[in-house]
Amino acid sequence: MGLTKATITNLDTNEKMDVLFNPTQYAIKKDNQWTAKPVVGKNVPKLDFTGGGSRILTMELFFDVYEINGADVRDHVNKLWDITMISDTNKYKTVAAAALSPAVGSELDI
């Protein structure tokens, strides 16, 4: 089974975009906040969980339409821009990158 082209999907609107070239790598990051409170007589502070941050997907996409007759790379960039814009009705945009390859997994819910 060959590689499947990655698809970027807005999970709120179901709008999709196939990437031209699969990213060679990606990273998912999520931060949490902890507050350290000193404890008298101890050499380590007491840590209190104060909240979690958003998950962030980072990848480099390559847009090359040189061999596609009459294609404009701005059309692809603008579609990506539109999919990731936050709408007035939904302040929390949910976007997923799916199907990077069968070996990686079927969906990354970001």
PDB file of N, CA and C in Angstrom:
ATOM      1  N   MET A   1       0.843  -1.177   0.000  1.00  0.00           N
ATOM      2  CA  MET A   1       0.000   0.000   0.000  1.00  0.00           C
ATOM      3  C   MET A   1       0.886   1.238   0.000  1.00  0.00           C
ATOM      4  N   GLY A   2       0.633   2.164  -0.901  1.00  0.00           N
ATOM      5  CA  GLY A   2       1.438   3.374  -1.012  1.00  0.00           C
ATOM      6  C   GLY A   2       1.006   4.430  -0.013  1.00  0.00           C
ATOM      7  N   LEU A   3       1.731   5.517  -0.037  1.00  0.00           N
ATOM      8  CA  LEU A   3       1.402   6.634   0.845  1.00  0.00           C
ATOM      9  C   LEU A   3       0.085   7.281   0.438  1.00  0.00           C
ATOM     10  N   THR A   4      -0.637   7.733   1.415  1.00  0.00           N
ATOM     11  CA  THR A   4      -1.862   8.484   1.189  1.00  0.00           C
ATOM     12  C   THR A   4      -1.546   9.953   1.369  1.00  0.00           C
ATOM     13  N   LYS A   5      -2.065  10.799   0.485  1.00  0.00           N
ATOM     14  CA  LYS A   5      -1.830  12.237   0.647  1.00  0.00           C
ATOM     15  C   LYS A   5      -2.515  12.734   1.914  1.00  0.00           C
ATOM     16  N   ALA A   6      -1.835  13.581   2.638  1.00  0.00           N
ATOM     17  CA  ALA A   6      -2.412  14.163   3.845  1.00  0.00           C
ATOM     18  C   ALA A   6      -3.566  15.075   3.474  1.00  0.00           C
ATOM     19  N   THR A   7      -4.553  15.102   4.330  1.00  0.00           N
ATOM     20  CA  THR A   7      -5.709  15.968   4.153  1.00  0.00           C
ATOM     21  C   THR A   7      -5.844  16.825   5.398  1.00  0.00           C
ATOM     22  N   ILE A   8      -6.054  18.103   5.207  1.00  0.00           N
ATOM     23  CA  ILE A   8      -6.315  18.998   6.333  1.00  0.00           C
ATOM     24  C   ILE A   8      -7.809  19.269   6.321  1.00  0.00           C
ATOM     25  N   THR A   9      -8.469  18.971   7.444  1.00  0.00           N
ATOM     26  CA  THR A   9      -9.923  19.070   7.532  1.00  0.00           C
ATOM     27  C   THR A   9     -10.321  19.948   8.700  1.00  0.00           C
ATOM     28  N   ASN A  10     -11.217  20.884   8.438  1.00  0.00           N
ATOM     29  CA  ASN A  10     -11.824  21.660   9.506  1.00  0.00           C
ATOM     30  C   ASN A  10     -12.968  20.812  10.047  1.00  0.00           C
ATOM     31  N   LEU A  11     -12.871  20.367  11.303  1.00  0.00           N
ATOM     32  CA  LEU A  11     -13.857  19.459  11.858  1.00  0.00           C
ATOM     33  C   LEU A  11     -15.185  20.141  12.173  1.00  0.00           C
ATOM     34  N   ASP A  12     -15.226  21.476  12.174  1.00  0.00           N
ATOM     35  CA  ASP A  12     -16.477  22.194  12.408  1.00  0.00           C
ATOM     36  C   ASP A  12     -17.288  22.316  11.122  1.00  0.00           C
ATOM     37  N   THR A  13     -16.617  22.590   9.995  1.00  0.00           N
ATOM     38  CA  THR A  13     -17.319  22.824   8.729  1.00  0.00           C
ATOM     39  C   THR A  13     -17.168  21.663   7.755  1.00  0.00           C
ATOM     40  N   ASN A  14     -16.295  20.710   8.074  1.00  0.00           N
ATOM     41  CA  ASN A  14     -15.975  19.570   7.215  1.00  0.00           C
ATOM     42  C   ASN A  14     -15.312  20.001   5.902  1.00  0.00           C
ATOM     43  N   GLU A  15     -14.813  21.231   5.836  1.00  0.00           N
ATOM     44  CA  GLU A  15     -14.074  21.698   4.661  1.00  0.00           C
ATOM     45  C   GLU A  15     -12.724  20.999   4.638  1.00  0.00           C
ATOM     46  N   LYS A  16     -12.317  20.506   3.452  1.00  0.00           N
ATOM     47  CA  LYS A  16     -11.088  19.718   3.341  1.00  0.00           C
ATOM     48  C   LYS A  16     -10.139  20.299   2.306  1.00  0.00           C
ATOM     49  N   MET A  17      -8.872  19.976   2.499  1.00  0.00           N
ATOM     50  CA  MET A  17      -7.830  20.382   1.558  1.00  0.00           C
ATOM     51  C   MET A  17      -6.783  19.285   1.511  1.00  0.00           C
ATOM     52  N   ASP A  18      -6.517  18.763   0.323  1.00  0.00           N
ATOM     53  CA  ASP A  18      -5.424  17.807   0.147  1.00  0.00           C
ATOM     54  C   ASP A  18      -4.128  18.593  -0.017  1.00  0.00           C
ATOM     55  N   VAL A  19      -3.085  18.152   0.663  1.00  0.00           N
ATOM     56  CA  VAL A  19      -1.796  18.822   0.504  1.00  0.00           C
ATOM     57  C   VAL A  19      -1.137  18.324  -0.777  1.00  0.00           C
ATOM     58  N   LEU A  20      -0.256  19.136  -1.335  1.00  0.00           N
ATOM     59  CA  LEU A  20       0.430  18.746  -2.565  1.00  0.00           C
ATOM     60  C   LEU A  20       1.504  17.703  -2.293  1.00  0.00           C
ATOM     61  N   PHE A  21       2.231  17.867  -1.194  1.00  0.00           N
ATOM     62  CA  PHE A  21       3.296  16.944  -0.803  1.00  0.00           C
ATOM     63  C   PHE A  21       3.163  16.686   0.692  1.00  0.00           C
ATOM     64  N   ASN A  22       3.219  15.416   1.094  1.00  0.00           N
ATOM     65  CA  ASN A  22       3.131  15.091   2.510  1.00  0.00           C
ATOM     66  C   ASN A  22       4.321  15.677   3.268  1.00  0.00           C
ATOM     67  N   PRO A  23       4.077  16.191   4.471  1.00  0.00           N
ATOM     68  CA  PRO A  23       5.198  16.684   5.277  1.00  0.00           C
ATOM     69  C   PRO A  23       6.107  15.525   5.677  1.00  0.00           C
ATOM     70  N   THR A  24       7.391  15.789   5.747  1.00  0.00           N
ATOM     71  CA  THR A  24       8.338  14.740   6.133  1.00  0.00           C
ATOM     72  C   THR A  24       8.335  14.517   7.635  1.00  0.00           C
ATOM     73  N   GLN A  25       7.899  15.512   8.378  1.00  0.00           N
ATOM     74  CA  GLN A  25       7.805  15.376   9.826  1.00  0.00           C
ATOM     75  C   GLN A  25       6.769  16.358  10.350  1.00  0.00           C
ATOM     76  N   TYR A  26       6.285  16.081  11.540  1.00  0.00           N
ATOM     77  CA  TYR A  26       5.358  16.986  12.201  1.00  0.00           C
ATOM     78  C   TYR A  26       5.569  16.862  13.703  1.00  0.00           C
ATOM     79  N   ALA A  27       5.085  17.826  14.443  1.00  0.00           N
ATOM     80  CA  ALA A  27       5.212  17.813  15.899  1.00  0.00           C
ATOM     81  C   ALA A  27       3.887  18.248  16.511  1.00  0.00           C
ATOM     82  N   ILE A  28       3.540  17.621  17.624  1.00  0.00           N
ATOM     83  CA  ILE A  28       2.362  18.014  18.391  1.00  0.00           C
ATOM     84  C   ILE A  28       2.853  18.440  19.764  1.00  0.00           C
ATOM     85  N   LYS A  29       2.439  19.616  20.193  1.00  0.00           N
ATOM     86  CA  LYS A  29       2.900  20.183  21.458  1.00  0.00           C
ATOM     87  C   LYS A  29       1.693  20.575  22.307  1.00  0.00           C
ATOM     88  N   LYS A  30       1.776  20.309  23.585  1.00  0.00           N
ATOM     89  CA  LYS A  30       0.746  20.742  24.531  1.00  0.00           C
ATOM     90  C   LYS A  30       1.429  21.119  25.828  1.00  0.00           C
ATOM     91  N   ASP A  31       1.149  22.313  26.306  1.00  0.00           N
ATOM     92  CA  ASP A  31       1.741  22.790  27.548  1.00  0.00           C
ATOM     93  C   ASP A  31       0.730  22.720  28.688  1.00  0.00           C
ATOM     94  N   ASN A  32       1.231  22.502  29.885  1.00  0.00           N
ATOM     95  CA  ASN A  32       0.431  22.573  31.104  1.00  0.00           C
ATOM     96  C   ASN A  32       1.096  23.553  32.054  1.00  0.00           C
ATOM     97  N   GLN A  33       0.290  24.190  32.876  1.00  0.00           N
ATOM     98  CA  GLN A  33       0.823  25.149  33.837  1.00  0.00           C
ATOM     99  C   GLN A  33       0.768  24.552  35.248  1.00  0.00           C
ATOM    100  N   TRP A  34       1.871  24.718  35.952  1.00  0.00           N
ATOM    101  CA  TRP A  34       1.996  24.264  37.331  1.00  0.00           C
ATOM    102  C   TRP A  34       2.501  25.432  38.173  1.00  0.00           C
ATOM    103  N   THR A  35       1.987  25.560  39.380  1.00  0.00           N
ATOM    104  CA  THR A  35       2.439  26.588  40.302  1.00  0.00           C
ATOM    105  C   THR A  35       3.195  25.916  41.444  1.00  0.00           C
ATOM    106  N   ALA A  36       4.411  26.393  41.693  1.00  0.00           N
ATOM    107  CA  ALA A  36       5.233  25.850  42.777  1.00  0.00           C
ATOM    108  C   ALA A  36       4.981  26.643  44.051  1.00  0.00           C
ATOM    109  N   LYS A  37       4.660  25.919  45.122  1.00  0.00           N
ATOM    110  CA  LYS A  37       4.472  26.550  46.432  1.00  0.00           C
ATOM    111  C   LYS A  37       5.525  25.989  47.380  1.00  0.00           C
ATOM    112  N   PRO A  38       6.294  26.883  48.008  1.00  0.00           N
ATOM    113  CA  PRO A  38       7.332  26.395  48.917  1.00  0.00           C
ATOM    114  C   PRO A  38       6.718  25.666  50.121  1.00  0.00           C
ATOM    115  N   VAL A  39       7.402  24.639  50.567  1.00  0.00           N
ATOM    116  CA  VAL A  39       6.975  23.878  51.734  1.00  0.00           C
ATOM    117  C   VAL A  39       8.078  24.008  52.778  1.00  0.00           C
ATOM    118  N   VAL A  40       7.713  24.508  53.947  1.00  0.00           N
ATOM    119  CA  VAL A  40       8.686  24.722  55.017  1.00  0.00           C
ATOM    120  C   VAL A  40       9.286  23.384  55.441  1.00  0.00           C
ATOM    121  N   GLY A  41      10.599  23.330  55.494  1.00  0.00           N
ATOM    122  CA  GLY A  41      11.302  22.131  55.927  1.00  0.00           C
ATOM    123  C   GLY A  41      11.520  21.105  54.827  1.00  0.00           C
ATOM    124  N   LYS A  42      11.102  21.390  53.619  1.00  0.00           N
ATOM    125  CA  LYS A  42      11.292  20.449  52.500  1.00  0.00           C
ATOM    126  C   LYS A  42      12.226  21.077  51.466  1.00  0.00           C
ATOM    127  N   ASN A  43      12.911  20.230  50.711  1.00  0.00           N
ATOM    128  CA  ASN A  43      13.827  20.770  49.708  1.00  0.00           C
ATOM    129  C   ASN A  43      13.185  20.846  48.315  1.00  0.00           C
ATOM    130  N   VAL A  44      11.907  20.456  48.206  1.00  0.00           N
ATOM    131  CA  VAL A  44      11.193  20.578  46.933  1.00  0.00           C
ATOM    132  C   VAL A  44       9.849  21.255  47.181  1.00  0.00           C
ATOM    133  N   PRO A  45       9.380  22.078  46.243  1.00  0.00           N
ATOM    134  CA  PRO A  45       8.096  22.751  46.427  1.00  0.00           C
ATOM    135  C   PRO A  45       6.934  21.800  46.146  1.00  0.00           C
ATOM    136  N   LYS A  46       5.747  22.189  46.611  1.00  0.00           N
ATOM    137  CA  LYS A  46       4.520  21.469  46.286  1.00  0.00           C
ATOM    138  C   LYS A  46       4.023  22.045  44.959  1.00  0.00           C
ATOM    139  N   LEU A  47       3.723  21.172  44.003  1.00  0.00           N
ATOM    140  CA  LEU A  47       3.262  21.621  42.695  1.00  0.00           C
ATOM    141  C   LEU A  47       1.751  21.458  42.597  1.00  0.00           C
ATOM    142  N   ASP A  48       1.078  22.537  42.166  1.00  0.00           N
ATOM    143  CA  ASP A  48      -0.359  22.517  41.937  1.00  0.00           C
ATOM    144  C   ASP A  48      -0.618  22.735  40.457  1.00  0.00           C
ATOM    145  N   PHE A  49      -1.438  21.852  39.872  1.00  0.00           N
ATOM    146  CA  PHE A  49      -1.827  21.989  38.470  1.00  0.00           C
ATOM    147  C   PHE A  49      -2.803  23.147  38.368  1.00  0.00           C
ATOM    148  N   THR A  50      -2.495  24.117  37.499  1.00  0.00           N
ATOM    149  CA  THR A  50      -3.348  25.312  37.380  1.00  0.00           C
ATOM    150  C   THR A  50      -4.034  25.434  36.026  1.00  0.00           C
ATOM    151  N   GLY A  51      -3.754  24.540  35.105  1.00  0.00           N
ATOM    152  CA  GLY A  51      -4.457  24.595  33.820  1.00  0.00           C
ATOM    153  C   GLY A  51      -3.662  23.995  32.688  1.00  0.00           C
ATOM    154  N   GLY A  52      -4.380  23.668  31.647  1.00  0.00           N
ATOM    155  CA  GLY A  52      -3.756  23.090  30.458  1.00  0.00           C
ATOM    156  C   GLY A  52      -3.889  24.039  29.282  1.00  0.00           C
ATOM    157  N   GLY A  53      -2.958  23.941  28.383  1.00  0.00           N
ATOM    158  CA  GLY A  53      -2.974  24.773  27.184  1.00  0.00           C
ATOM    159  C   GLY A  53      -3.535  24.017  25.993  1.00  0.00           C
ATOM    160  N   SER A  54      -3.593  24.678  24.877  1.00  0.00           N
ATOM    161  CA  SER A  54      -4.076  24.075  23.640  1.00  0.00           C
ATOM    162  C   SER A  54      -3.014  23.154  23.058  1.00  0.00           C
ATOM    163  N   ARG A  55      -3.463  22.184  22.263  1.00  0.00           N
ATOM    164  CA  ARG A  55      -2.522  21.380  21.497  1.00  0.00           C
ATOM    165  C   ARG A  55      -2.180  22.148  20.226  1.00  0.00           C
ATOM    166  N   ILE A  56      -0.924  22.069  19.832  1.00  0.00           N
ATOM    167  CA  ILE A  56      -0.446  22.791  18.644  1.00  0.00           C
ATOM    168  C   ILE A  56       0.222  21.796  17.709  1.00  0.00           C
ATOM    169  N   LEU A  57      -0.248  21.770  16.468  1.00  0.00           N
ATOM    170  CA  LEU A  57       0.345  20.940  15.434  1.00  0.00           C
ATOM    171  C   LEU A  57       1.255  21.821  14.594  1.00  0.00           C
ATOM    172  N   THR A  58       2.504  21.397  14.415  1.00  0.00           N
ATOM    173  CA  THR A  58       3.460  22.133  13.606  1.00  0.00           C
ATOM    174  C   THR A  58       3.967  21.219  12.495  1.00  0.00           C
ATOM    175  N   MET A  59       3.908  21.721  11.272  1.00  0.00           N
ATOM    176  CA  MET A  59       4.457  20.993  10.138  1.00  0.00           C
ATOM    177  C   MET A  59       4.814  21.988   9.050  1.00  0.00           C
ATOM    178  N   GLU A  60       5.718  21.587   8.194  1.00  0.00           N
ATOM    179  CA  GLU A  60       6.100  22.419   7.067  1.00  0.00           C
ATOM    180  C   GLU A  60       5.452  21.846   5.820  1.00  0.00           C
ATOM    181  N   LEU A  61       4.658  22.675   5.145  1.00  0.00           N
ATOM    182  CA  LEU A  61       4.011  22.254   3.910  1.00  0.00           C
ATOM    183  C   LEU A  61       4.744  22.871   2.727  1.00  0.00           C
ATOM    184  N   PHE A  62       4.877  22.089   1.675  1.00  0.00           N
ATOM    185  CA  PHE A  62       5.580  22.518   0.472  1.00  0.00           C
ATOM    186  C   PHE A  62       4.559  22.684  -0.647  1.00  0.00           C
ATOM    187  N   PHE A  63       4.464  23.876  -1.198  1.00  0.00           N
ATOM    188  CA  PHE A  63       3.529  24.184  -2.276  1.00  0.00           C
ATOM    189  C   PHE A  63       4.315  24.395  -3.569  1.00  0.00           C
ATOM    190  N   ASP A  64       4.176  23.474  -4.500  1.00  0.00           N
ATOM    191  CA  ASP A  64       4.864  23.585  -5.781  1.00  0.00           C
ATOM    192  C   ASP A  64       3.866  23.259  -6.886  1.00  0.00           C
ATOM    193  N   VAL A  65       3.474  24.266  -7.645  1.00  0.00           N
ATOM    194  CA  VAL A  65       2.509  24.064  -8.728  1.00  0.00           C
ATOM    195  C   VAL A  65       3.151  24.347 -10.086  1.00  0.00           C
ATOM    196  N   TYR A  66       4.469  24.318 -10.143  1.00  0.00           N
ATOM    197  CA  TYR A  66       5.191  24.654 -11.369  1.00  0.00           C
ATOM    198  C   TYR A  66       4.750  23.791 -12.555  1.00  0.00           C
ATOM    199  N   GLU A  67       4.537  22.492 -12.313  1.00  0.00           N
ATOM    200  CA  GLU A  67       4.210  21.577 -13.408  1.00  0.00           C
ATOM    201  C   GLU A  67       2.709  21.458 -13.665  1.00  0.00           C
ATOM    202  N   ILE A  68       1.890  22.199 -12.936  1.00  0.00           N
ATOM    203  CA  ILE A  68       0.442  22.182 -13.143  1.00  0.00           C
ATOM    204  C   ILE A  68       0.095  23.402 -13.985  1.00  0.00           C
ATOM    205  N   ASN A  69      -0.302  23.179 -15.217  1.00  0.00           N
ATOM    206  CA  ASN A  69      -0.547  24.252 -16.177  1.00  0.00           C
ATOM    207  C   ASN A  69      -1.626  25.216 -15.665  1.00  0.00           C
ATOM    208  N   GLY A  70      -1.286  26.497 -15.588  1.00  0.00           N
ATOM    209  CA  GLY A  70      -2.225  27.531 -15.195  1.00  0.00           C
ATOM    210  C   GLY A  70      -2.518  27.607 -13.710  1.00  0.00           C
ATOM    211  N   ALA A  71      -1.845  26.800 -12.900  1.00  0.00           N
ATOM    212  CA  ALA A  71      -2.103  26.801 -11.458  1.00  0.00           C
ATOM    213  C   ALA A  71      -1.411  27.988 -10.797  1.00  0.00           C
ATOM    214  N   ASP A  72      -2.030  28.470  -9.740  1.00  0.00           N
ATOM    215  CA  ASP A  72      -1.481  29.580  -8.961  1.00  0.00           C
ATOM    216  C   ASP A  72      -1.326  29.102  -7.524  1.00  0.00           C
ATOM    217  N   VAL A  73      -0.111  29.154  -7.008  1.00  0.00           N
ATOM    218  CA  VAL A  73       0.158  28.668  -5.655  1.00  0.00           C
ATOM    219  C   VAL A  73      -0.669  29.421  -4.617  1.00  0.00           C
ATOM    220  N   ARG A  74      -1.040  30.654  -4.918  1.00  0.00           N
ATOM    221  CA  ARG A  74      -1.837  31.438  -3.967  1.00  0.00           C
ATOM    222  C   ARG A  74      -3.204  30.817  -3.711  1.00  0.00           C
ATOM    223  N   ASP A  75      -3.748  30.087  -4.695  1.00  0.00           N
ATOM    224  CA  ASP A  75      -5.029  29.403  -4.488  1.00  0.00           C
ATOM    225  C   ASP A  75      -4.924  28.372  -3.373  1.00  0.00           C
ATOM    226  N   HIS A  76      -3.817  27.628  -3.331  1.00  0.00           N
ATOM    227  CA  HIS A  76      -3.601  26.615  -2.288  1.00  0.00           C
ATOM    228  C   HIS A  76      -3.359  27.264  -0.929  1.00  0.00           C
ATOM    229  N   VAL A  77      -2.556  28.305  -0.917  1.00  0.00           N
ATOM    230  CA  VAL A  77      -2.262  28.997   0.339  1.00  0.00           C
ATOM    231  C   VAL A  77      -3.530  29.652   0.897  1.00  0.00           C
ATOM    232  N   ASN A  78      -4.319  30.272   0.036  1.00  0.00           N
ATOM    233  CA  ASN A  78      -5.558  30.912   0.488  1.00  0.00           C
ATOM    234  C   ASN A  78      -6.561  29.893   1.014  1.00  0.00           C
ATOM    235  N   LYS A  79      -6.636  28.719   0.409  1.00  0.00           N
ATOM    236  CA  LYS A  79      -7.550  27.678   0.903  1.00  0.00           C
ATOM    237  C   LYS A  79      -7.117  27.231   2.298  1.00  0.00           C
ATOM    238  N   LEU A  80      -5.820  27.028   2.499  1.00  0.00           N
ATOM    239  CA  LEU A  80      -5.313  26.664   3.822  1.00  0.00           C
ATOM    240  C   LEU A  80      -5.637  27.761   4.827  1.00  0.00           C
ATOM    241  N   TRP A  81      -5.435  28.993   4.437  1.00  0.00           N
ATOM    242  CA  TRP A  81      -5.728  30.142   5.296  1.00  0.00           C
ATOM    243  C   TRP A  81      -7.208  30.147   5.690  1.00  0.00           C
ATOM    244  N   ASP A  82      -8.096  29.937   4.708  1.00  0.00           N
ATOM    245  CA  ASP A  82      -9.536  29.945   4.969  1.00  0.00           C
ATOM    246  C   ASP A  82      -9.957  28.830   5.917  1.00  0.00           C
ATOM    247  N   ILE A  83      -9.378  27.637   5.751  1.00  0.00           N
ATOM    248  CA  ILE A  83      -9.743  26.500   6.604  1.00  0.00           C
ATOM    249  C   ILE A  83      -9.371  26.760   8.057  1.00  0.00           C
ATOM    250  N   THR A  84      -8.280  27.466   8.288  1.00  0.00           N
ATOM    251  CA  THR A  84      -7.806  27.666   9.659  1.00  0.00           C
ATOM    252  C   THR A  84      -8.274  28.972  10.298  1.00  0.00           C
ATOM    253  N   MET A  85      -9.044  29.771   9.582  1.00  0.00           N
ATOM    254  CA  MET A  85      -9.554  31.014  10.167  1.00  0.00           C
ATOM    255  C   MET A  85     -10.630  30.711  11.212  1.00  0.00           C
ATOM    256  N   ILE A  86     -10.656  31.485  12.271  1.00  0.00           N
ATOM    257  CA  ILE A  86     -11.657  31.329  13.319  1.00  0.00           C
ATOM    258  C   ILE A  86     -12.918  32.070  12.893  1.00  0.00           C
ATOM    259  N   SER A  87     -14.048  31.355  12.905  1.00  0.00           N
ATOM    260  CA  SER A  87     -15.308  31.956  12.472  1.00  0.00           C
ATOM    261  C   SER A  87     -15.937  32.750  13.612  1.00  0.00           C
ATOM    262  N   ASP A  88     -16.891  33.613  13.270  1.00  0.00           N
ATOM    263  CA  ASP A  88     -17.601  34.398  14.279  1.00  0.00           C
ATOM    264  C   ASP A  88     -18.473  33.517  15.164  1.00  0.00           C
ATOM    265  N   THR A  89     -18.984  32.412  14.613  1.00  0.00           N
ATOM    266  CA  THR A  89     -19.877  31.543  15.369  1.00  0.00           C
ATOM    267  C   THR A  89     -19.136  30.547  16.242  1.00  0.00           C
ATOM    268  N   ASN A  90     -17.882  30.263  15.925  1.00  0.00           N
ATOM    269  CA  ASN A  90     -17.104  29.304  16.709  1.00  0.00           C
ATOM    270  C   ASN A  90     -15.746  29.911  17.019  1.00  0.00           C
ATOM    271  N   LYS A  91     -15.553  30.305  18.275  1.00  0.00           N
ATOM    272  CA  LYS A  91     -14.302  30.951  18.661  1.00  0.00           C
ATOM    273  C   LYS A  91     -13.159  29.962  18.812  1.00  0.00           C
ATOM    274  N   TYR A  92     -13.466  28.662  18.870  1.00  0.00           N
ATOM    275  CA  TYR A  92     -12.456  27.647  19.098  1.00  0.00           C
ATOM    276  C   TYR A  92     -12.377  26.758  17.869  1.00  0.00           C
ATOM    277  N   LYS A  93     -11.512  27.108  16.952  1.00  0.00           N
ATOM    278  CA  LYS A  93     -11.388  26.390  15.686  1.00  0.00           C
ATOM    279  C   LYS A  93     -10.729  25.037  15.934  1.00  0.00           C
ATOM    280  N   THR A  94     -11.337  24.005  15.386  1.00  0.00           N
ATOM    281  CA  THR A  94     -10.793  22.662  15.476  1.00  0.00           C
ATOM    282  C   THR A  94     -10.387  22.221  14.087  1.00  0.00           C
ATOM    283  N   VAL A  95      -9.106  21.939  13.919  1.00  0.00           N
ATOM    284  CA  VAL A  95      -8.597  21.503  12.627  1.00  0.00           C
ATOM    285  C   VAL A  95      -7.857  20.195  12.843  1.00  0.00           C
ATOM    286  N   ALA A  96      -7.972  19.285  11.897  1.00  0.00           N
ATOM    287  CA  ALA A  96      -7.255  18.013  12.002  1.00  0.00           C
ATOM    288  C   ALA A  96      -6.486  17.765  10.722  1.00  0.00           C
ATOM    289  N   ALA A  97      -5.319  17.178  10.863  1.00  0.00           N
ATOM    290  CA  ALA A  97      -4.573  16.700   9.700  1.00  0.00           C
ATOM    291  C   ALA A  97      -4.741  15.192   9.680  1.00  0.00           C
ATOM    292  N   ALA A  98      -5.242  14.657   8.592  1.00  0.00           N
ATOM    293  CA  ALA A  98      -5.576  13.232   8.562  1.00  0.00           C
ATOM    294  C   ALA A  98      -4.784  12.504   7.501  1.00  0.00           C
ATOM    295  N   ALA A  99      -4.633  11.219   7.703  1.00  0.00           N
ATOM    296  CA  ALA A  99      -4.086  10.292   6.713  1.00  0.00           C
ATOM    297  C   ALA A  99      -2.709  10.702   6.211  1.00  0.00           C
ATOM    298  N   LEU A 100      -1.767  10.898   7.122  1.00  0.00           N
ATOM    299  CA  LEU A 100      -0.400  11.202   6.692  1.00  0.00           C
ATOM    300  C   LEU A 100       0.207  10.005   5.985  1.00  0.00           C
ATOM    301  N   SER A 101      -0.024   8.836   6.498  1.00  0.00           N
ATOM    302  CA  SER A 101       0.324   7.589   5.812  1.00  0.00           C
ATOM    303  C   SER A 101      -0.288   6.463   6.639  1.00  0.00           C
ATOM    304  N   PRO A 102      -0.498   5.292   6.049  1.00  0.00           N
ATOM    305  CA  PRO A 102      -1.083   4.184   6.808  1.00  0.00           C
ATOM    306  C   PRO A 102      -0.250   3.803   8.026  1.00  0.00           C
ATOM    307  N   ALA A 103       1.062   3.981   7.964  1.00  0.00           N
ATOM    308  CA  ALA A 103       1.912   3.592   9.091  1.00  0.00           C
ATOM    309  C   ALA A 103       1.791   4.552  10.254  1.00  0.00           C
ATOM    310  N   VAL A 104       1.520   5.822   9.983  1.00  0.00           N
ATOM    311  CA  VAL A 104       1.453   6.839  11.039  1.00  0.00           C
ATOM    312  C   VAL A 104       0.118   6.760  11.767  1.00  0.00           C
ATOM    313  N   GLY A 105      -0.951   6.591  11.059  1.00  0.00           N
ATOM    314  CA  GLY A 105      -2.272   6.548  11.674  1.00  0.00           C
ATOM    315  C   GLY A 105      -3.282   7.203  10.786  1.00  0.00           C
ATOM    316  N   SER A 106      -4.537   7.048  11.145  1.00  0.00           N
ATOM    317  CA  SER A 106      -5.581   7.539  10.250  1.00  0.00           C
ATOM    318  C   SER A 106      -5.967   8.973  10.529  1.00  0.00           C
ATOM    319  N   GLU A 107      -5.810   9.459  11.749  1.00  0.00           N
ATOM    320  CA  GLU A 107      -6.239  10.833  12.007  1.00  0.00           C
ATOM    321  C   GLU A 107      -5.509  11.410  13.210  1.00  0.00           C
ATOM    322  N   LEU A 108      -5.167  12.677  13.098  1.00  0.00           N
ATOM    323  CA  LEU A 108      -4.616  13.435  14.203  1.00  0.00           C
ATOM    324  C   LEU A 108      -5.630  14.487  14.570  1.00  0.00           C
ATOM    325  N   ASP A 109      -6.280  14.363  15.699  1.00  0.00           N
ATOM    326  CA  ASP A 109      -7.294  15.317  16.117  1.00  0.00           C
ATOM    327  C   ASP A 109      -6.616  16.428  16.903  1.00  0.00           C
ATOM    328  N   ILE A 110      -6.488  17.584  16.288  1.00  0.00           N
ATOM    329  CA  ILE A 110      -5.778  18.706  16.902  1.00  0.00           C
ATOM    330  C   ILE A 110      -6.766  19.777  17.292  1.00  0.00           C
TER     331      ILE A 110
END
